[in-house]
Amino acid sequence: MVVNVVEDACIGCGQCEPECPVDAIAVNDIAVIDGDTCIDCGNCVDICPVDALSL
């Protein structure tokens, strides 16, 4: 399972990026999750201010 990004909801704030313990998130205009690296910890889901991330 990989964290899903709701592209229309993501505001690209970048708050999720430093919360990822395995550096699986890159934020340019929106968050992009590296599915091969993501460990489904949920840290990014918990920190997202607009609920654009989900497990």
PDB file of N, CA and C in Angstrom:
ATOM      1  N   MET A   1       0.849  -1.185   0.000  1.00  0.00           N
ATOM      2  CA  MET A   1       0.000   0.000   0.000  1.00  0.00           C
ATOM      3  C   MET A   1       0.892   1.246   0.000  1.00  0.00           C
ATOM      4  N   VAL A   2       0.450   2.259  -0.681  1.00  0.00           N
ATOM      5  CA  VAL A   2       1.209   3.510  -0.768  1.00  0.00           C
ATOM      6  C   VAL A   2       0.277   4.657  -0.430  1.00  0.00           C
ATOM      7  N   VAL A   3       0.814   5.701   0.156  1.00  0.00           N
ATOM      8  CA  VAL A   3       0.034   6.894   0.450  1.00  0.00           C
ATOM      9  C   VAL A   3      -0.500   7.478  -0.852  1.00  0.00           C
ATOM     10  N   ASN A   4      -1.770   7.813  -0.845  1.00  0.00           N
ATOM     11  CA  ASN A   4      -2.409   8.422  -2.017  1.00  0.00           C
ATOM     12  C   ASN A   4      -2.427   9.935  -1.865  1.00  0.00           C
ATOM     13  N   VAL A   5      -2.192  10.638  -2.966  1.00  0.00           N
ATOM     14  CA  VAL A   5      -2.237  12.103  -2.981  1.00  0.00           C
ATOM     15  C   VAL A   5      -3.456  12.527  -3.788  1.00  0.00           C
ATOM     16  N   VAL A   6      -4.326  13.315  -3.174  1.00  0.00           N
ATOM     17  CA  VAL A   6      -5.450  13.905  -3.889  1.00  0.00           C
ATOM     18  C   VAL A   6      -4.903  15.181  -4.521  1.00  0.00           C
ATOM     19  N   GLU A   7      -4.593  15.082  -5.804  1.00  0.00           N
ATOM     20  CA  GLU A   7      -3.893  16.171  -6.492  1.00  0.00           C
ATOM     21  C   GLU A   7      -4.659  17.490  -6.460  1.00  0.00           C
ATOM     22  N   ASP A   8      -5.977  17.438  -6.553  1.00  0.00           N
ATOM     23  CA  ASP A   8      -6.766  18.673  -6.531  1.00  0.00           C
ATOM     24  C   ASP A   8      -6.781  19.322  -5.153  1.00  0.00           C
ATOM     25  N   ALA A   9      -6.504  18.548  -4.103  1.00  0.00           N
ATOM     26  CA  ALA A   9      -6.536  19.075  -2.741  1.00  0.00           C
ATOM     27  C   ALA A   9      -5.167  19.542  -2.260  1.00  0.00           C
ATOM     28  N   CYS A  10      -4.106  18.921  -2.767  1.00  0.00           N
ATOM     29  CA  CYS A  10      -2.753  19.250  -2.305  1.00  0.00           C
ATOM     30  C   CYS A  10      -2.397  20.692  -2.671  1.00  0.00           C
ATOM     31  N   ILE A  11      -1.914  21.434  -1.668  1.00  0.00           N
ATOM     32  CA  ILE A  11      -1.547  22.838  -1.889  1.00  0.00           C
ATOM     33  C   ILE A  11      -0.027  23.024  -2.011  1.00  0.00           C
ATOM     34  N   GLY A  12       0.718  21.914  -1.960  1.00  0.00           N
ATOM     35  CA  GLY A  12       2.171  21.989  -2.121  1.00  0.00           C
ATOM     36  C   GLY A  12       2.887  22.706  -1.007  1.00  0.00           C
ATOM     37  N   CYS A  13       2.344  22.667   0.186  1.00  0.00           N
ATOM     38  CA  CYS A  13       2.929  23.405   1.311  1.00  0.00           C
ATOM     39  C   CYS A  13       4.253  22.814   1.788  1.00  0.00           C
ATOM     40  N   GLY A  14       4.458  21.515   1.557  1.00  0.00           N
ATOM     41  CA  GLY A  14       5.714  20.883   1.922  1.00  0.00           C
ATOM     42  C   GLY A  14       5.817  20.406   3.355  1.00  0.00           C
ATOM     43  N   GLN A  15       4.763  20.529   4.138  1.00  0.00           N
ATOM     44  CA  GLN A  15       4.834  20.089   5.531  1.00  0.00           C
ATOM     45  C   GLN A  15       5.042  18.586   5.671  1.00  0.00           C
ATOM     46  N   CYS A  16       4.612  17.824   4.690  1.00  0.00           N
ATOM     47  CA  CYS A  16       4.739  16.372   4.739  1.00  0.00           C
ATOM     48  C   CYS A  16       6.166  15.895   4.495  1.00  0.00           C
ATOM     49  N   GLU A  17       6.892  16.612   3.674  1.00  0.00           N
ATOM     50  CA  GLU A  17       8.220  16.161   3.235  1.00  0.00           C
ATOM     51  C   GLU A  17       9.174  15.881   4.399  1.00  0.00           C
ATOM     52  N   PRO A  18       9.351  16.792   5.347  1.00  0.00           N
ATOM     53  CA  PRO A  18      10.286  16.501   6.448  1.00  0.00           C
ATOM     54  C   PRO A  18       9.763  15.460   7.442  1.00  0.00           C
ATOM     55  N   GLU A  19       8.472  15.152   7.398  1.00  0.00           N
ATOM     56  CA  GLU A  19       7.899  14.151   8.306  1.00  0.00           C
ATOM     57  C   GLU A  19       8.163  12.722   7.862  1.00  0.00           C
ATOM     58  N   CYS A  20       8.600  12.538   6.620  1.00  0.00           N
ATOM     59  CA  CYS A  20       8.820  11.199   6.081  1.00  0.00           C
ATOM     60  C   CYS A  20      10.173  10.653   6.548  1.00  0.00           C
ATOM     61  N   PRO A  21      10.152   9.543   7.291  1.00  0.00           N
ATOM     62  CA  PRO A  21      11.421   9.007   7.820  1.00  0.00           C
ATOM     63  C   PRO A  21      12.308   8.333   6.765  1.00  0.00           C
ATOM     64  N   VAL A  22      11.756   8.064   5.583  1.00  0.00           N
ATOM     65  CA  VAL A  22      12.534   7.394   4.529  1.00  0.00           C
ATOM     66  C   VAL A  22      12.686   8.256   3.274  1.00  0.00           C
ATOM     67  N   ASP A  23      12.377   9.536   3.390  1.00  0.00           N
ATOM     68  CA  ASP A  23      12.525  10.488   2.279  1.00  0.00           C
ATOM     69  C   ASP A  23      11.817  10.034   1.005  1.00  0.00           C
ATOM     70  N   ALA A  24      10.572   9.570   1.153  1.00  0.00           N
ATOM     71  CA  ALA A  24       9.801   9.084   0.015  1.00  0.00           C
ATOM     72  C   ALA A  24       8.911  10.155  -0.603  1.00  0.00           C
ATOM     73  N   ILE A  25       9.002  11.390  -0.108  1.00  0.00           N
ATOM     74  CA  ILE A  25       8.134  12.468  -0.596  1.00  0.00           C
ATOM     75  C   ILE A  25       8.969  13.583  -1.198  1.00  0.00           C
ATOM     76  N   ALA A  26       8.563  14.020  -2.377  1.00  0.00           N
ATOM     77  CA  ALA A  26       9.141  15.206  -2.998  1.00  0.00           C
ATOM     78  C   ALA A  26       7.982  16.156  -3.278  1.00  0.00           C
ATOM     79  N   VAL A  27       8.163  17.420  -2.957  1.00  0.00           N
ATOM     80  CA  VAL A  27       7.105  18.409  -3.179  1.00  0.00           C
ATOM     81  C   VAL A  27       7.623  19.476  -4.125  1.00  0.00           C
ATOM     82  N   ASN A  28       6.970  19.590  -5.263  1.00  0.00           N
ATOM     83  CA  ASN A  28       7.222  20.698  -6.177  1.00  0.00           C
ATOM     84  C   ASN A  28       5.937  21.521  -6.185  1.00  0.00           C
ATOM     85  N   ASP A  29       5.051  21.283  -7.129  1.00  0.00           N
ATOM     86  CA  ASP A  29       3.731  21.919  -7.093  1.00  0.00           C
ATOM     87  C   ASP A  29       2.798  21.148  -6.179  1.00  0.00           C
ATOM     88  N   ILE A  30       2.962  19.826  -6.155  1.00  0.00           N
ATOM     89  CA  ILE A  30       2.191  18.952  -5.269  1.00  0.00           C
ATOM     90  C   ILE A  30       3.123  17.876  -4.708  1.00  0.00           C
ATOM     91  N   ALA A  31       2.644  17.171  -3.685  1.00  0.00           N
ATOM     92  CA  ALA A  31       3.427  16.077  -3.119  1.00  0.00           C
ATOM     93  C   ALA A  31       3.425  14.893  -4.082  1.00  0.00           C
ATOM     94  N   VAL A  32       4.587  14.282  -4.222  1.00  0.00           N
ATOM     95  CA  VAL A  32       4.736  13.078  -5.032  1.00  0.00           C
ATOM     96  C   VAL A  32       5.368  12.015  -4.142  1.00  0.00           C
ATOM     97  N   ILE A  33       4.700  10.869  -4.041  1.00  0.00           N
ATOM     98  CA  ILE A  33       5.155   9.792  -3.180  1.00  0.00           C
ATOM     99  C   ILE A  33       5.888   8.737  -4.008  1.00  0.00           C
ATOM    100  N   ASP A  34       7.088   8.359  -3.576  1.00  0.00           N
ATOM    101  CA  ASP A  34       7.834   7.269  -4.212  1.00  0.00           C
ATOM    102  C   ASP A  34       7.316   5.959  -3.626  1.00  0.00           C
ATOM    103  N   GLY A  35       6.514   5.253  -4.390  1.00  0.00           N
ATOM    104  CA  GLY A  35       5.876   4.033  -3.933  1.00  0.00           C
ATOM    105  C   GLY A  35       6.831   2.922  -3.579  1.00  0.00           C
ATOM    106  N   ASP A  36       8.018   2.926  -4.170  1.00  0.00           N
ATOM    107  CA  ASP A  36       9.004   1.895  -3.860  1.00  0.00           C
ATOM    108  C   ASP A  36       9.690   2.143  -2.521  1.00  0.00           C
ATOM    109  N   THR A  37       9.676   3.390  -2.060  1.00  0.00           N
ATOM    110  CA  THR A  37      10.356   3.762  -0.826  1.00  0.00           C
ATOM    111  C   THR A  37       9.396   3.904   0.350  1.00  0.00           C
ATOM    112  N   CYS A  38       8.167   4.310   0.089  1.00  0.00           N
ATOM    113  CA  CYS A  38       7.164   4.568   1.131  1.00  0.00           C
ATOM    114  C   CYS A  38       6.952   3.329   2.007  1.00  0.00           C
ATOM    115  N   ILE A  39       6.939   3.516   3.342  1.00  0.00           N
ATOM    116  CA  ILE A  39       6.726   2.420   4.284  1.00  0.00           C
ATOM    117  C   ILE A  39       5.354   2.499   4.958  1.00  0.00           C
ATOM    118  N   ASP A  40       4.469   3.336   4.457  1.00  0.00           N
ATOM    119  CA  ASP A  40       3.096   3.451   4.973  1.00  0.00           C
ATOM    120  C   ASP A  40       3.029   3.783   6.461  1.00  0.00           C
ATOM    121  N   CYS A  41       3.913   4.636   6.934  1.00  0.00           N
ATOM    122  CA  CYS A  41       3.921   4.974   8.359  1.00  0.00           C
ATOM    123  C   CYS A  41       2.788   5.921   8.740  1.00  0.00           C
ATOM    124  N   GLY A  42       2.317   6.727   7.768  1.00  0.00           N
ATOM    125  CA  GLY A  42       1.212   7.644   8.032  1.00  0.00           C
ATOM    126  C   GLY A  42       1.605   8.993   8.596  1.00  0.00           C
ATOM    127  N   ASN A  43       2.883   9.243   8.787  1.00  0.00           N
ATOM    128  CA  ASN A  43       3.307  10.545   9.323  1.00  0.00           C
ATOM    129  C   ASN A  43       2.824  11.703   8.454  1.00  0.00           C
ATOM    130  N   CYS A  44       2.940  11.552   7.149  1.00  0.00           N
ATOM    131  CA  CYS A  44       2.533  12.614   6.233  1.00  0.00           C
ATOM    132  C   CYS A  44       1.018  12.818   6.254  1.00  0.00           C
ATOM    133  N   VAL A  45       0.287  11.721   6.387  1.00  0.00           N
ATOM    134  CA  VAL A  45      -1.177  11.803   6.439  1.00  0.00           C
ATOM    135  C   VAL A  45      -1.606  12.613   7.657  1.00  0.00           C
ATOM    136  N   ASP A  46      -0.945  12.344   8.786  1.00  0.00           N
ATOM    137  CA  ASP A  46      -1.293  13.028  10.036  1.00  0.00           C
ATOM    138  C   ASP A  46      -0.986  14.513  10.005  1.00  0.00           C
ATOM    139  N   ILE A  47       0.065  14.934   9.289  1.00  0.00           N
ATOM    140  CA  ILE A  47       0.503  16.331   9.303  1.00  0.00           C
ATOM    141  C   ILE A  47      -0.168  17.194   8.234  1.00  0.00           C
ATOM    142  N   CYS A  48      -0.740  16.575   7.208  1.00  0.00           N
ATOM    143  CA  CYS A  48      -1.294  17.342   6.088  1.00  0.00           C
ATOM    144  C   CYS A  48      -2.435  18.265   6.543  1.00  0.00           C
ATOM    145  N   PRO A  49      -2.287  19.573   6.332  1.00  0.00           N
ATOM    146  CA  PRO A  49      -3.297  20.534   6.815  1.00  0.00           C
ATOM    147  C   PRO A  49      -4.588  20.552   5.987  1.00  0.00           C
ATOM    148  N   VAL A  50      -4.560  19.965   4.790  1.00  0.00           N
ATOM    149  CA  VAL A  50      -5.752  19.984   3.930  1.00  0.00           C
ATOM    150  C   VAL A  50      -6.270  18.579   3.616  1.00  0.00           C
ATOM    151  N   ASP A  51      -5.787  17.579   4.362  1.00  0.00           N
ATOM    152  CA  ASP A  51      -6.229  16.187   4.172  1.00  0.00           C
ATOM    153  C   ASP A  51      -6.098  15.707   2.737  1.00  0.00           C
ATOM    154  N   ALA A  52      -4.988  16.066   2.099  1.00  0.00           N
ATOM    155  CA  ALA A  52      -4.760  15.666   0.709  1.00  0.00           C
ATOM    156  C   ALA A  52      -4.048  14.312   0.612  1.00  0.00           C
ATOM    157  N   LEU A  53      -3.657  13.747   1.741  1.00  0.00           N
ATOM    158  CA  LEU A  53      -2.946  12.473   1.762  1.00  0.00           C
ATOM    159  C   LEU A  53      -3.763  11.449   2.534  1.00  0.00           C
ATOM    160  N   SER A  54      -3.751  10.210   2.040  1.00  0.00           N
ATOM    161  CA  SER A  54      -4.477   9.146   2.730  1.00  0.00           C
ATOM    162  C   SER A  54      -3.787   7.812   2.506  1.00  0.00           C
ATOM    163  N   LEU A  55      -4.030   6.899   3.426  1.00  0.00           N
ATOM    164  CA  LEU A  55      -3.492   5.530   3.300  1.00  0.00           C
ATOM    165  C   LEU A  55      -4.531   4.643   2.655  1.00  0.00           C
TER     166      LEU A  55
END
